[in-house]
Amino acid sequence: MAKKIDLQHDIMKELADYSPKLIYGVEEIIGELRHNRKKDTDELFNLVIQGINWEIEVFNNCEDIINQDSQLIDKSKMAAAVVRLGKVLQEKDDIKIAACLEVDFLPFLKSMERSATSYK
């Protein structure tokens, strides 16, 4: 049976490959929500949310190695960001959703990417 650290290492490699794609998708959806909603914006938004959820799960399962040398990601701030996103989603305000993604989630995703690429 694989050891936890081996599984975490494999996940971090996957994260290193996936993060740049998700960051690009988040930046795209922010632009669409702010400026030019397209017919597939909702579909792209749902994919972005699934990706963010995956990275949150990675963080939850790999926090000990992500924050090993220093607290790269503050779990309480991430949890607060999730709560904020839930609130703005209920309001259905594209501008607020875009702001939440930009202010709360892009920094988290970029920190996860840095962690993954430095872990390789």
PDB file of N, CA and C in Angstrom:
ATOM      1  N   MET A   1       0.842  -1.192   0.000  1.00  0.00           N
ATOM      2  CA  MET A   1       0.000   0.000   0.000  1.00  0.00           C
ATOM      3  C   MET A   1       0.882   1.249   0.000  1.00  0.00           C
ATOM      4  N   ALA A   2       0.476   2.216  -0.778  1.00  0.00           N
ATOM      5  CA  ALA A   2       1.248   3.452  -0.887  1.00  0.00           C
ATOM      6  C   ALA A   2       1.201   4.222   0.431  1.00  0.00           C
ATOM      7  N   LYS A   3       2.299   4.859   0.715  1.00  0.00           N
ATOM      8  CA  LYS A   3       2.355   5.706   1.900  1.00  0.00           C
ATOM      9  C   LYS A   3       1.688   7.037   1.594  1.00  0.00           C
ATOM     10  N   LYS A   4       1.191   7.677   2.646  1.00  0.00           N
ATOM     11  CA  LYS A   4       0.518   8.966   2.491  1.00  0.00           C
ATOM     12  C   LYS A   4       1.416   9.978   1.785  1.00  0.00           C
ATOM     13  N   ILE A   5       2.671  10.043   2.159  1.00  0.00           N
ATOM     14  CA  ILE A   5       3.573  11.038   1.557  1.00  0.00           C
ATOM     15  C   ILE A   5       3.764  10.772   0.068  1.00  0.00           C
ATOM     16  N   ASP A   6       3.771   9.512  -0.339  1.00  0.00           N
ATOM     17  CA  ASP A   6       3.893   9.196  -1.766  1.00  0.00           C
ATOM     18  C   ASP A   6       2.658   9.659  -2.533  1.00  0.00           C
ATOM     19  N   LEU A   7       1.495   9.445  -1.945  1.00  0.00           N
ATOM     20  CA  LEU A   7       0.257   9.902  -2.575  1.00  0.00           C
ATOM     21  C   LEU A   7       0.218  11.425  -2.643  1.00  0.00           C
ATOM     22  N   GLN A   8       0.645  12.076  -1.569  1.00  0.00           N
ATOM     23  CA  GLN A   8       0.687  13.539  -1.570  1.00  0.00           C
ATOM     24  C   GLN A   8       1.638  14.048  -2.642  1.00  0.00           C
ATOM     25  N   HIS A   9       2.765  13.391  -2.796  1.00  0.00           N
ATOM     26  CA  HIS A   9       3.730  13.794  -3.828  1.00  0.00           C
ATOM     27  C   HIS A   9       3.097  13.686  -5.214  1.00  0.00           C
ATOM     28  N   ASP A  10       2.392  12.598  -5.470  1.00  0.00           N
ATOM     29  CA  ASP A  10       1.711  12.423  -6.766  1.00  0.00           C
ATOM     30  C   ASP A  10       0.662  13.513  -6.989  1.00  0.00           C
ATOM     31  N   ILE A  11      -0.089  13.827  -5.938  1.00  0.00           N
ATOM     32  CA  ILE A  11      -1.110  14.878  -6.035  1.00  0.00           C
ATOM     33  C   ILE A  11      -0.468  16.226  -6.333  1.00  0.00           C
ATOM     34  N   MET A  12       0.655  16.516  -5.689  1.00  0.00           N
ATOM     35  CA  MET A  12       1.333  17.792  -5.923  1.00  0.00           C
ATOM     36  C   MET A  12       1.835  17.887  -7.367  1.00  0.00           C
ATOM     37  N   LYS A  13       2.256  16.772  -7.941  1.00  0.00           N
ATOM     38  CA  LYS A  13       2.666  16.782  -9.355  1.00  0.00           C
ATOM     39  C   LYS A  13       1.459  17.088 -10.245  1.00  0.00           C
ATOM     40  N   GLU A  14       0.323  16.474  -9.933  1.00  0.00           N
ATOM     41  CA  GLU A  14      -0.896  16.760 -10.687  1.00  0.00           C
ATOM     42  C   GLU A  14      -1.288  18.226 -10.543  1.00  0.00           C
ATOM     43  N   LEU A  15      -1.151  18.739  -9.338  1.00  0.00           N
ATOM     44  CA  LEU A  15      -1.480  20.137  -9.069  1.00  0.00           C
ATOM     45  C   LEU A  15      -0.584  21.069  -9.884  1.00  0.00           C
ATOM     46  N   ALA A  16       0.686  20.748  -9.980  1.00  0.00           N
ATOM     47  CA  ALA A  16       1.615  21.587 -10.748  1.00  0.00           C
ATOM     48  C   ALA A  16       1.202  21.668 -12.216  1.00  0.00           C
ATOM     49  N   ASP A  17       0.665  20.586 -12.749  1.00  0.00           N
ATOM     50  CA  ASP A  17       0.200  20.585 -14.140  1.00  0.00           C
ATOM     51  C   ASP A  17      -1.143  21.290 -14.300  1.00  0.00           C
ATOM     52  N   TYR A  18      -2.001  21.156 -13.309  1.00  0.00           N
ATOM     53  CA  TYR A  18      -3.371  21.646 -13.404  1.00  0.00           C
ATOM     54  C   TYR A  18      -3.513  23.127 -13.056  1.00  0.00           C
ATOM     55  N   SER A  19      -2.772  23.590 -12.082  1.00  0.00           N
ATOM     56  CA  SER A  19      -2.951  24.959 -11.573  1.00  0.00           C
ATOM     57  C   SER A  19      -2.892  26.045 -12.641  1.00  0.00           C
ATOM     58  N   PRO A  20      -1.893  26.039 -13.523  1.00  0.00           N
ATOM     59  CA  PRO A  20      -1.856  27.115 -14.533  1.00  0.00           C
ATOM     60  C   PRO A  20      -3.112  27.152 -15.404  1.00  0.00           C
ATOM     61  N   LYS A  21      -3.661  25.981 -15.699  1.00  0.00           N
ATOM     62  CA  LYS A  21      -4.877  25.916 -16.518  1.00  0.00           C
ATOM     63  C   LYS A  21      -6.068  26.496 -15.764  1.00  0.00           C
ATOM     64  N   LEU A  22      -6.157  26.167 -14.476  1.00  0.00           N
ATOM     65  CA  LEU A  22      -7.266  26.683 -13.680  1.00  0.00           C
ATOM     66  C   LEU A  22      -7.141  28.189 -13.486  1.00  0.00           C
ATOM     67  N   ILE A  23      -5.943  28.665 -13.229  1.00  0.00           N
ATOM     68  CA  ILE A  23      -5.735  30.108 -13.065  1.00  0.00           C
ATOM     69  C   ILE A  23      -6.156  30.840 -14.341  1.00  0.00           C
ATOM     70  N   TYR A  24      -5.778  30.305 -15.488  1.00  0.00           N
ATOM     71  CA  TYR A  24      -6.184  30.893 -16.760  1.00  0.00           C
ATOM     72  C   TYR A  24      -7.715  30.915 -16.865  1.00  0.00           C
ATOM     73  N   GLY A  25      -8.372  29.817 -16.505  1.00  0.00           N
ATOM     74  CA  GLY A  25      -9.825  29.751 -16.561  1.00  0.00           C
ATOM     75  C   GLY A  25     -10.485  30.755 -15.628  1.00  0.00           C
ATOM     76  N   VAL A  26      -9.922  30.917 -14.432  1.00  0.00           N
ATOM     77  CA  VAL A  26     -10.470  31.884 -13.472  1.00  0.00           C
ATOM     78  C   VAL A  26     -10.328  33.297 -14.026  1.00  0.00           C
ATOM     79  N   GLU A  27      -9.177  33.605 -14.601  1.00  0.00           N
ATOM     80  CA  GLU A  27      -8.974  34.937 -15.171  1.00  0.00           C
ATOM     81  C   GLU A  27      -9.943  35.180 -16.328  1.00  0.00           C
ATOM     82  N   GLU A  28     -10.174  34.163 -17.131  1.00  0.00           N
ATOM     83  CA  GLU A  28     -11.124  34.284 -18.241  1.00  0.00           C
ATOM     84  C   GLU A  28     -12.544  34.537 -17.725  1.00  0.00           C
ATOM     85  N   ILE A  29     -12.953  33.772 -16.727  1.00  0.00           N
ATOM     86  CA  ILE A  29     -14.320  33.919 -16.223  1.00  0.00           C
ATOM     87  C   ILE A  29     -14.502  35.263 -15.540  1.00  0.00           C
ATOM     88  N   ILE A  30     -13.474  35.761 -14.889  1.00  0.00           N
ATOM     89  CA  ILE A  30     -13.556  37.095 -14.277  1.00  0.00           C
ATOM     90  C   ILE A  30     -13.838  38.128 -15.365  1.00  0.00           C
ATOM     91  N   GLY A  31     -13.113  38.047 -16.470  1.00  0.00           N
ATOM     92  CA  GLY A  31     -13.328  38.979 -17.581  1.00  0.00           C
ATOM     93  C   GLY A  31     -14.719  38.866 -18.175  1.00  0.00           C
ATOM     94  N   GLU A  32     -15.189  37.640 -18.332  1.00  0.00           N
ATOM     95  CA  GLU A  32     -16.524  37.460 -18.892  1.00  0.00           C
ATOM     96  C   GLU A  32     -17.602  37.978 -17.942  1.00  0.00           C
ATOM     97  N   LEU A  33     -17.439  37.742 -16.661  1.00  0.00           N
ATOM     98  CA  LEU A  33     -18.434  38.214 -15.696  1.00  0.00           C
ATOM     99  C   LEU A  33     -18.456  39.732 -15.610  1.00  0.00           C
ATOM    100  N   ARG A  34     -17.309  40.359 -15.805  1.00  0.00           N
ATOM    101  CA  ARG A  34     -17.238  41.822 -15.702  1.00  0.00           C
ATOM    102  C   ARG A  34     -17.610  42.535 -16.994  1.00  0.00           C
ATOM    103  N   HIS A  35     -17.256  41.964 -18.120  1.00  0.00           N
ATOM    104  CA  HIS A  35     -17.333  42.743 -19.357  1.00  0.00           C
ATOM    105  C   HIS A  35     -18.201  42.150 -20.451  1.00  0.00           C
ATOM    106  N   ASN A  36     -18.059  40.894 -20.693  1.00  0.00           N
ATOM    107  CA  ASN A  36     -18.755  40.348 -21.865  1.00  0.00           C
ATOM    108  C   ASN A  36     -19.175  38.900 -21.633  1.00  0.00           C
ATOM    109  N   ARG A  37     -20.294  38.752 -20.954  1.00  0.00           N
ATOM    110  CA  ARG A  37     -20.859  37.428 -20.707  1.00  0.00           C
ATOM    111  C   ARG A  37     -21.143  36.779 -22.065  1.00  0.00           C
ATOM    112  N   LYS A  38     -20.773  35.498 -22.181  1.00  0.00           N
ATOM    113  CA  LYS A  38     -20.996  34.752 -23.411  1.00  0.00           C
ATOM    114  C   LYS A  38     -22.020  33.657 -23.157  1.00  0.00           C
ATOM    115  N   LYS A  39     -22.421  32.986 -24.224  1.00  0.00           N
ATOM    116  CA  LYS A  39     -23.459  31.964 -24.045  1.00  0.00           C
ATOM    117  C   LYS A  39     -22.971  30.786 -23.206  1.00  0.00           C
ATOM    118  N   ASP A  40     -21.664  30.560 -23.164  1.00  0.00           N
ATOM    119  CA  ASP A  40     -21.134  29.450 -22.369  1.00  0.00           C
ATOM    120  C   ASP A  40     -20.472  29.900 -21.054  1.00  0.00           C
ATOM    121  N   THR A  41     -20.723  31.138 -20.638  1.00  0.00           N
ATOM    122  CA  THR A  41     -20.126  31.648 -19.400  1.00  0.00           C
ATOM    123  C   THR A  41     -20.526  30.808 -18.193  1.00  0.00           C
ATOM    124  N   ASP A  42     -21.792  30.445 -18.111  1.00  0.00           N
ATOM    125  CA  ASP A  42     -22.241  29.641 -16.969  1.00  0.00           C
ATOM    126  C   ASP A  42     -21.553  28.274 -16.944  1.00  0.00           C
ATOM    127  N   GLU A  43     -21.371  27.690 -18.114  1.00  0.00           N
ATOM    128  CA  GLU A  43     -20.693  26.389 -18.201  1.00  0.00           C
ATOM    129  C   GLU A  43     -19.233  26.527 -17.763  1.00  0.00           C
ATOM    130  N   LEU A  44     -18.562  27.547 -18.238  1.00  0.00           N
ATOM    131  CA  LEU A  44     -17.174  27.790 -17.846  1.00  0.00           C
ATOM    132  C   LEU A  44     -17.089  28.071 -16.347  1.00  0.00           C
ATOM    133  N   PHE A  45     -18.016  28.855 -15.829  1.00  0.00           N
ATOM    134  CA  PHE A  45     -18.028  29.160 -14.405  1.00  0.00           C
ATOM    135  C   PHE A  45     -18.151  27.876 -13.576  1.00  0.00           C
ATOM    136  N   ASN A  46     -19.036  26.979 -13.989  1.00  0.00           N
ATOM    137  CA  ASN A  46     -19.198  25.711 -13.266  1.00  0.00           C
ATOM    138  C   ASN A  46     -17.919  24.884 -13.293  1.00  0.00           C
ATOM    139  N   LEU A  47     -17.220  24.873 -14.414  1.00  0.00           N
ATOM    140  CA  LEU A  47     -15.945  24.147 -14.498  1.00  0.00           C
ATOM    141  C   LEU A  47     -14.899  24.778 -13.581  1.00  0.00           C
ATOM    142  N   VAL A  48     -14.866  26.100 -13.541  1.00  0.00           N
ATOM    143  CA  VAL A  48     -13.929  26.811 -12.671  1.00  0.00           C
ATOM    144  C   VAL A  48     -14.213  26.477 -11.206  1.00  0.00           C
ATOM    145  N   ILE A  49     -15.478  26.469 -10.832  1.00  0.00           N
ATOM    146  CA  ILE A  49     -15.845  26.151  -9.446  1.00  0.00           C
ATOM    147  C   ILE A  49     -15.435  24.719  -9.106  1.00  0.00           C
ATOM    148  N   GLN A  50     -15.629  23.792 -10.025  1.00  0.00           N
ATOM    149  CA  GLN A  50     -15.194  22.413  -9.790  1.00  0.00           C
ATOM    150  C   GLN A  50     -13.686  22.347  -9.594  1.00  0.00           C
ATOM    151  N   GLY A  51     -12.955  23.121 -10.395  1.00  0.00           N
ATOM    152  CA  GLY A  51     -11.502  23.162 -10.260  1.00  0.00           C
ATOM    153  C   GLY A  51     -11.060  23.748  -8.935  1.00  0.00           C
ATOM    154  N   ILE A  52     -11.707  24.823  -8.530  1.00  0.00           N
ATOM    155  CA  ILE A  52     -11.393  25.437  -7.234  1.00  0.00           C
ATOM    156  C   ILE A  52     -11.675  24.437  -6.116  1.00  0.00           C
ATOM    157  N   ASN A  53     -12.803  23.755  -6.200  1.00  0.00           N
ATOM    158  CA  ASN A  53     -13.132  22.751  -5.187  1.00  0.00           C
ATOM    159  C   ASN A  53     -12.072  21.655  -5.126  1.00  0.00           C
ATOM    160  N   TRP A  54     -11.574  21.237  -6.287  1.00  0.00           N
ATOM    161  CA  TRP A  54     -10.533  20.211  -6.317  1.00  0.00           C
ATOM    162  C   TRP A  54      -9.278  20.720  -5.618  1.00  0.00           C
ATOM    163  N   GLU A  55      -8.895  21.960  -5.908  1.00  0.00           N
ATOM    164  CA  GLU A  55      -7.683  22.499  -5.274  1.00  0.00           C
ATOM    165  C   GLU A  55      -7.875  22.671  -3.769  1.00  0.00           C
ATOM    166  N   ILE A  56      -9.078  22.988  -3.337  1.00  0.00           N
ATOM    167  CA  ILE A  56      -9.344  23.063  -1.895  1.00  0.00           C
ATOM    168  C   ILE A  56      -9.183  21.676  -1.272  1.00  0.00           C
ATOM    169  N   GLU A  57      -9.673  20.656  -1.951  1.00  0.00           N
ATOM    170  CA  GLU A  57      -9.507  19.284  -1.453  1.00  0.00           C
ATOM    171  C   GLU A  57      -8.029  18.897  -1.404  1.00  0.00           C
ATOM    172  N   VAL A  58      -7.278  19.294  -2.416  1.00  0.00           N
ATOM    173  CA  VAL A  58      -5.835  19.035  -2.407  1.00  0.00           C
ATOM    174  C   VAL A  58      -5.211  19.710  -1.196  1.00  0.00           C
ATOM    175  N   PHE A  59      -5.564  20.964  -0.968  1.00  0.00           N
ATOM    176  CA  PHE A  59      -5.023  21.668   0.191  1.00  0.00           C
ATOM    177  C   PHE A  59      -5.378  20.931   1.482  1.00  0.00           C
ATOM    178  N   ASN A  60      -6.643  20.546   1.614  1.00  0.00           N
ATOM    179  CA  ASN A  60      -7.074  19.865   2.834  1.00  0.00           C
ATOM    180  C   ASN A  60      -6.315  18.566   3.075  1.00  0.00           C
ATOM    181  N   ASN A  61      -5.953  17.869   2.009  1.00  0.00           N
ATOM    182  CA  ASN A  61      -5.260  16.590   2.141  1.00  0.00           C
ATOM    183  C   ASN A  61      -3.742  16.706   2.132  1.00  0.00           C
ATOM    184  N   CYS A  62      -3.225  17.855   1.736  1.00  0.00           N
ATOM    185  CA  CYS A  62      -1.772  18.036   1.651  1.00  0.00           C
ATOM    186  C   CYS A  62      -1.283  19.236   2.454  1.00  0.00           C
ATOM    187  N   GLU A  63      -2.123  19.752   3.334  1.00  0.00           N
ATOM    188  CA  GLU A  63      -1.765  20.958   4.091  1.00  0.00           C
ATOM    189  C   GLU A  63      -0.439  20.805   4.825  1.00  0.00           C
ATOM    190  N   ASP A  64      -0.185  19.619   5.350  1.00  0.00           N
ATOM    191  CA  ASP A  64       1.048  19.424   6.108  1.00  0.00           C
ATOM    192  C   ASP A  64       2.301  19.610   5.259  1.00  0.00           C
ATOM    193  N   ILE A  65       2.250  19.280   3.984  1.00  0.00           N
ATOM    194  CA  ILE A  65       3.432  19.508   3.151  1.00  0.00           C
ATOM    195  C   ILE A  65       3.401  20.880   2.478  1.00  0.00           C
ATOM    196  N   ILE A  66       2.205  21.414   2.224  1.00  0.00           N
ATOM    197  CA  ILE A  66       2.101  22.743   1.613  1.00  0.00           C
ATOM    198  C   ILE A  66       2.593  23.807   2.584  1.00  0.00           C
ATOM    199  N   ASN A  67       2.206  23.674   3.835  1.00  0.00           N
ATOM    200  CA  ASN A  67       2.598  24.651   4.861  1.00  0.00           C
ATOM    201  C   ASN A  67       3.762  24.139   5.721  1.00  0.00           C
ATOM    202  N   GLN A  68       4.549  23.262   5.170  1.00  0.00           N
ATOM    203  CA  GLN A  68       5.632  22.621   5.918  1.00  0.00           C
ATOM    204  C   GLN A  68       6.683  23.611   6.410  1.00  0.00           C
ATOM    205  N   ASP A  69       7.179  24.448   5.530  1.00  0.00           N
ATOM    206  CA  ASP A  69       8.258  25.379   5.892  1.00  0.00           C
ATOM    207  C   ASP A  69       7.735  26.706   6.426  1.00  0.00           C
ATOM    208  N   SER A  70       6.576  27.120   5.932  1.00  0.00           N
ATOM    209  CA  SER A  70       5.947  28.362   6.389  1.00  0.00           C
ATOM    210  C   SER A  70       4.460  28.273   6.045  1.00  0.00           C
ATOM    211  N   GLN A  71       3.683  29.148   6.635  1.00  0.00           N
ATOM    212  CA  GLN A  71       2.247  29.110   6.360  1.00  0.00           C
ATOM    213  C   GLN A  71       1.972  29.817   5.044  1.00  0.00           C
ATOM    214  N   LEU A  72       2.090  29.056   3.982  1.00  0.00           N
ATOM    215  CA  LEU A  72       1.856  29.582   2.640  1.00  0.00           C
ATOM    216  C   LEU A  72       0.379  29.905   2.436  1.00  0.00           C
ATOM    217  N   ILE A  73      -0.489  29.073   3.010  1.00  0.00           N
ATOM    218  CA  ILE A  73      -1.926  29.264   2.858  1.00  0.00           C
ATOM    219  C   ILE A  73      -2.565  29.215   4.236  1.00  0.00           C
ATOM    220  N   ASP A  74      -3.348  30.236   4.525  1.00  0.00           N
ATOM    221  CA  ASP A  74      -4.063  30.337   5.789  1.00  0.00           C
ATOM    222  C   ASP A  74      -5.427  29.671   5.621  1.00  0.00           C
ATOM    223  N   LYS A  75      -5.625  28.559   6.316  1.00  0.00           N
ATOM    224  CA  LYS A  75      -6.862  27.784   6.176  1.00  0.00           C
ATOM    225  C   LYS A  75      -8.096  28.601   6.559  1.00  0.00           C
ATOM    226  N   SER A  76      -7.985  29.446   7.571  1.00  0.00           N
ATOM    227  CA  SER A  76      -9.147  30.233   7.997  1.00  0.00           C
ATOM    228  C   SER A  76      -9.520  31.271   6.940  1.00  0.00           C
ATOM    229  N   LYS A  77      -8.528  31.855   6.265  1.00  0.00           N
ATOM    230  CA  LYS A  77      -8.828  32.809   5.183  1.00  0.00           C
ATOM    231  C   LYS A  77      -9.490  32.099   4.010  1.00  0.00           C
ATOM    232  N   MET A  78      -9.010  30.889   3.711  1.00  0.00           N
ATOM    233  CA  MET A  78      -9.607  30.130   2.623  1.00  0.00           C
ATOM    234  C   MET A  78     -11.060  29.797   2.957  1.00  0.00           C
ATOM    235  N   ALA A  79     -11.319  29.392   4.184  1.00  0.00           N
ATOM    236  CA  ALA A  79     -12.690  29.072   4.598  1.00  0.00           C
ATOM    237  C   ALA A  79     -13.586  30.312   4.513  1.00  0.00           C
ATOM    238  N   ALA A  80     -13.068  31.464   4.915  1.00  0.00           N
ATOM    239  CA  ALA A  80     -13.834  32.712   4.828  1.00  0.00           C
ATOM    240  C   ALA A  80     -14.133  33.056   3.369  1.00  0.00           C
ATOM    241  N   ALA A  81     -13.185  32.800   2.484  1.00  0.00           N
ATOM    242  CA  ALA A  81     -13.393  33.066   1.058  1.00  0.00           C
ATOM    243  C   ALA A  81     -14.518  32.196   0.502  1.00  0.00           C
ATOM    244  N   VAL A  82     -14.569  30.956   0.925  1.00  0.00           N
ATOM    245  CA  VAL A  82     -15.630  30.048   0.478  1.00  0.00           C
ATOM    246  C   VAL A  82     -16.992  30.566   0.941  1.00  0.00           C
ATOM    247  N   VAL A  83     -17.057  31.032   2.169  1.00  0.00           N
ATOM    248  CA  VAL A  83     -18.308  31.583   2.696  1.00  0.00           C
ATOM    249  C   VAL A  83     -18.716  32.817   1.893  1.00  0.00           C
ATOM    250  N   ARG A  84     -17.744  33.715   1.618  1.00  0.00           N
ATOM    251  CA  ARG A  84     -18.050  34.922   0.833  1.00  0.00           C
ATOM    252  C   ARG A  84     -18.565  34.566  -0.553  1.00  0.00           C
ATOM    253  N   LEU A  85     -17.921  33.598  -1.185  1.00  0.00           N
ATOM    254  CA  LEU A  85     -18.370  33.198  -2.523  1.00  0.00           C
ATOM    255  C   LEU A  85     -19.798  32.666  -2.468  1.00  0.00           C
ATOM    256  N   GLY A  86     -20.113  31.885  -1.451  1.00  0.00           N
ATOM    257  CA  GLY A  86     -21.478  31.385  -1.298  1.00  0.00           C
ATOM    258  C   GLY A  86     -22.489  32.514  -1.205  1.00  0.00           C
ATOM    259  N   LYS A  87     -22.136  33.561  -0.474  1.00  0.00           N
ATOM    260  CA  LYS A  87     -23.047  34.704  -0.320  1.00  0.00           C
ATOM    261  C   LYS A  87     -23.235  35.455  -1.634  1.00  0.00           C
ATOM    262  N   VAL A  88     -22.143  35.722  -2.348  1.00  0.00           N
ATOM    263  CA  VAL A  88     -22.292  36.479  -3.600  1.00  0.00           C
ATOM    264  C   VAL A  88     -22.966  35.636  -4.676  1.00  0.00           C
ATOM    265  N   LEU A  89     -22.819  34.327  -4.607  1.00  0.00           N
ATOM    266  CA  LEU A  89     -23.526  33.476  -5.569  1.00  0.00           C
ATOM    267  C   LEU A  89     -25.032  33.569  -5.364  1.00  0.00           C
ATOM    268  N   GLN A  90     -25.454  33.684  -4.123  1.00  0.00           N
ATOM    269  CA  GLN A  90     -26.881  33.829  -3.838  1.00  0.00           C
ATOM    270  C   GLN A  90     -27.426  35.142  -4.388  1.00  0.00           C
ATOM    271  N   GLU A  91     -26.591  36.167  -4.410  1.00  0.00           N
ATOM    272  CA  GLU A  91     -27.014  37.472  -4.928  1.00  0.00           C
ATOM    273  C   GLU A  91     -27.096  37.485  -6.452  1.00  0.00           C
ATOM    274  N   LYS A  92     -26.410  36.554  -7.099  1.00  0.00           N
ATOM    275  CA  LYS A  92     -26.385  36.450  -8.564  1.00  0.00           C
ATOM    276  C   LYS A  92     -25.902  37.748  -9.210  1.00  0.00           C
ATOM    277  N   ASP A  93     -24.897  38.356  -8.596  1.00  0.00           N
ATOM    278  CA  ASP A  93     -24.318  39.601  -9.101  1.00  0.00           C
ATOM    279  C   ASP A  93     -22.956  39.279  -9.715  1.00  0.00           C
ATOM    280  N   ASP A  94     -22.904  39.310 -11.051  1.00  0.00           N
ATOM    281  CA  ASP A  94     -21.675  38.936 -11.757  1.00  0.00           C
ATOM    282  C   ASP A  94     -20.464  39.745 -11.308  1.00  0.00           C
ATOM    283  N   ILE A  95     -20.643  41.035 -11.059  1.00  0.00           N
ATOM    284  CA  ILE A  95     -19.523  41.895 -10.665  1.00  0.00           C
ATOM    285  C   ILE A  95     -18.973  41.471  -9.294  1.00  0.00           C
ATOM    286  N   LYS A  96     -19.853  41.171  -8.373  1.00  0.00           N
ATOM    287  CA  LYS A  96     -19.415  40.726  -7.041  1.00  0.00           C
ATOM    288  C   LYS A  96     -18.762  39.346  -7.105  1.00  0.00           C
ATOM    289  N   ILE A  97     -19.284  38.479  -7.941  1.00  0.00           N
ATOM    290  CA  ILE A  97     -18.698  37.148  -8.106  1.00  0.00           C
ATOM    291  C   ILE A  97     -17.285  37.285  -8.684  1.00  0.00           C
ATOM    292  N   ALA A  98     -17.141  38.123  -9.699  1.00  0.00           N
ATOM    293  CA  ALA A  98     -15.824  38.349 -10.305  1.00  0.00           C
ATOM    294  C   ALA A  98     -14.844  38.910  -9.275  1.00  0.00           C
ATOM    295  N   ALA A  99     -15.303  39.863  -8.470  1.00  0.00           N
ATOM    296  CA  ALA A  99     -14.433  40.452  -7.446  1.00  0.00           C
ATOM    297  C   ALA A  99     -14.010  39.408  -6.426  1.00  0.00           C
ATOM    298  N   CYS A 100     -14.930  38.560  -6.013  1.00  0.00           N
ATOM    299  CA  CYS A 100     -14.612  37.507  -5.048  1.00  0.00           C
ATOM    300  C   CYS A 100     -13.591  36.534  -5.636  1.00  0.00           C
ATOM    301  N   LEU A 101     -13.783  36.151  -6.867  1.00  0.00           N
ATOM    302  CA  LEU A 101     -12.817  35.256  -7.509  1.00  0.00           C
ATOM    303  C   LEU A 101     -11.441  35.903  -7.581  1.00  0.00           C
ATOM    304  N   GLU A 102     -11.420  37.186  -7.941  1.00  0.00           N
ATOM    305  CA  GLU A 102     -10.144  37.884  -8.095  1.00  0.00           C
ATOM    306  C   GLU A 102      -9.438  38.117  -6.757  1.00  0.00           C
ATOM    307  N   VAL A 103     -10.182  38.582  -5.776  1.00  0.00           N
ATOM    308  CA  VAL A 103      -9.586  38.972  -4.494  1.00  0.00           C
ATOM    309  C   VAL A 103      -9.325  37.770  -3.591  1.00  0.00           C
ATOM    310  N   ASP A 104     -10.254  36.822  -3.578  1.00  0.00           N
ATOM    311  CA  ASP A 104     -10.150  35.710  -2.637  1.00  0.00           C
ATOM    312  C   ASP A 104      -9.521  34.448  -3.224  1.00  0.00           C
ATOM    313  N   PHE A 105      -9.864  34.124  -4.456  1.00  0.00           N
ATOM    314  CA  PHE A 105      -9.451  32.828  -4.965  1.00  0.00           C
ATOM    315  C   PHE A 105      -8.212  32.838  -5.840  1.00  0.00           C
ATOM    316  N   LEU A 106      -7.985  33.882  -6.621  1.00  0.00           N
ATOM    317  CA  LEU A 106      -6.754  33.914  -7.421  1.00  0.00           C
ATOM    318  C   LEU A 106      -5.505  33.853  -6.536  1.00  0.00           C
ATOM    319  N   PRO A 107      -5.443  34.604  -5.447  1.00  0.00           N
ATOM    320  CA  PRO A 107      -4.254  34.478  -4.591  1.00  0.00           C
ATOM    321  C   PRO A 107      -4.083  33.061  -4.026  1.00  0.00           C
ATOM    322  N   PHE A 108      -5.181  32.437  -3.632  1.00  0.00           N
ATOM    323  CA  PHE A 108      -5.125  31.057  -3.136  1.00  0.00           C
ATOM    324  C   PHE A 108      -4.588  30.129  -4.226  1.00  0.00           C
ATOM    325  N   LEU A 109      -5.142  30.237  -5.438  1.00  0.00           N
ATOM    326  CA  LEU A 109      -4.723  29.366  -6.537  1.00  0.00           C
ATOM    327  C   LEU A 109      -3.261  29.595  -6.901  1.00  0.00           C
ATOM    328  N   LYS A 110      -2.826  30.843  -6.882  1.00  0.00           N
ATOM    329  CA  LYS A 110      -1.422  31.138  -7.196  1.00  0.00           C
ATOM    330  C   LYS A 110      -0.492  30.617  -6.107  1.00  0.00           C
ATOM    331  N   SER A 111      -0.925  30.676  -4.857  1.00  0.00           N
ATOM    332  CA  SER A 111      -0.137  30.095  -3.770  1.00  0.00           C
ATOM    333  C   SER A 111      -0.053  28.576  -3.910  1.00  0.00           C
ATOM    334  N   MET A 112      -1.150  27.967  -4.292  1.00  0.00           N
ATOM    335  CA  MET A 112      -1.142  26.517  -4.516  1.00  0.00           C
ATOM    336  C   MET A 112      -0.214  26.158  -5.668  1.00  0.00           C
ATOM    337  N   GLU A 113      -0.219  26.967  -6.712  1.00  0.00           N
ATOM    338  CA  GLU A 113       0.666  26.707  -7.843  1.00  0.00           C
ATOM    339  C   GLU A 113       2.132  26.830  -7.417  1.00  0.00           C
ATOM    340  N   ARG A 114       2.457  27.883  -6.668  1.00  0.00           N
ATOM    341  CA  ARG A 114       3.835  28.048  -6.187  1.00  0.00           C
ATOM    342  C   ARG A 114       4.251  26.859  -5.316  1.00  0.00           C
ATOM    343  N   SER A 115       3.355  26.446  -4.469  1.00  0.00           N
ATOM    344  CA  SER A 115       3.645  25.312  -3.601  1.00  0.00           C
ATOM    345  C   SER A 115       3.910  24.043  -4.431  1.00  0.00           C
ATOM    346  N   ALA A 116       3.083  23.815  -5.426  1.00  0.00           N
ATOM    347  CA  ALA A 116       3.221  22.624  -6.251  1.00  0.00           C
ATOM    348  C   ALA A 116       4.516  22.648  -7.069  1.00  0.00           C
ATOM    349  N   THR A 117       4.834  23.802  -7.639  1.00  0.00           N
ATOM    350  CA  THR A 117       6.044  23.856  -8.477  1.00  0.00           C
ATOM    351  C   THR A 117       7.310  23.814  -7.617  1.00  0.00           C
ATOM    352  N   SER A 118       7.248  24.302  -6.411  1.00  0.00           N
ATOM    353  CA  SER A 118       8.432  24.239  -5.545  1.00  0.00           C
ATOM    354  C   SER A 118       8.575  22.845  -4.939  1.00  0.00           C
ATOM    355  N   TYR A 119       7.508  22.073  -4.943  1.00  0.00           N
ATOM    356  CA  TYR A 119       7.540  20.729  -4.369  1.00  0.00           C
ATOM    357  C   TYR A 119       8.131  19.717  -5.320  1.00  0.00           C
ATOM    358  N   LYS A 120       8.082  19.989  -6.613  1.00  0.00           N
ATOM    359  CA  LYS A 120       8.568  19.030  -7.634  1.00  0.00           C
ATOM    360  C   LYS A 120       9.951  18.526  -7.350  1.00  0.00           C
TER     361      LYS A 120
END
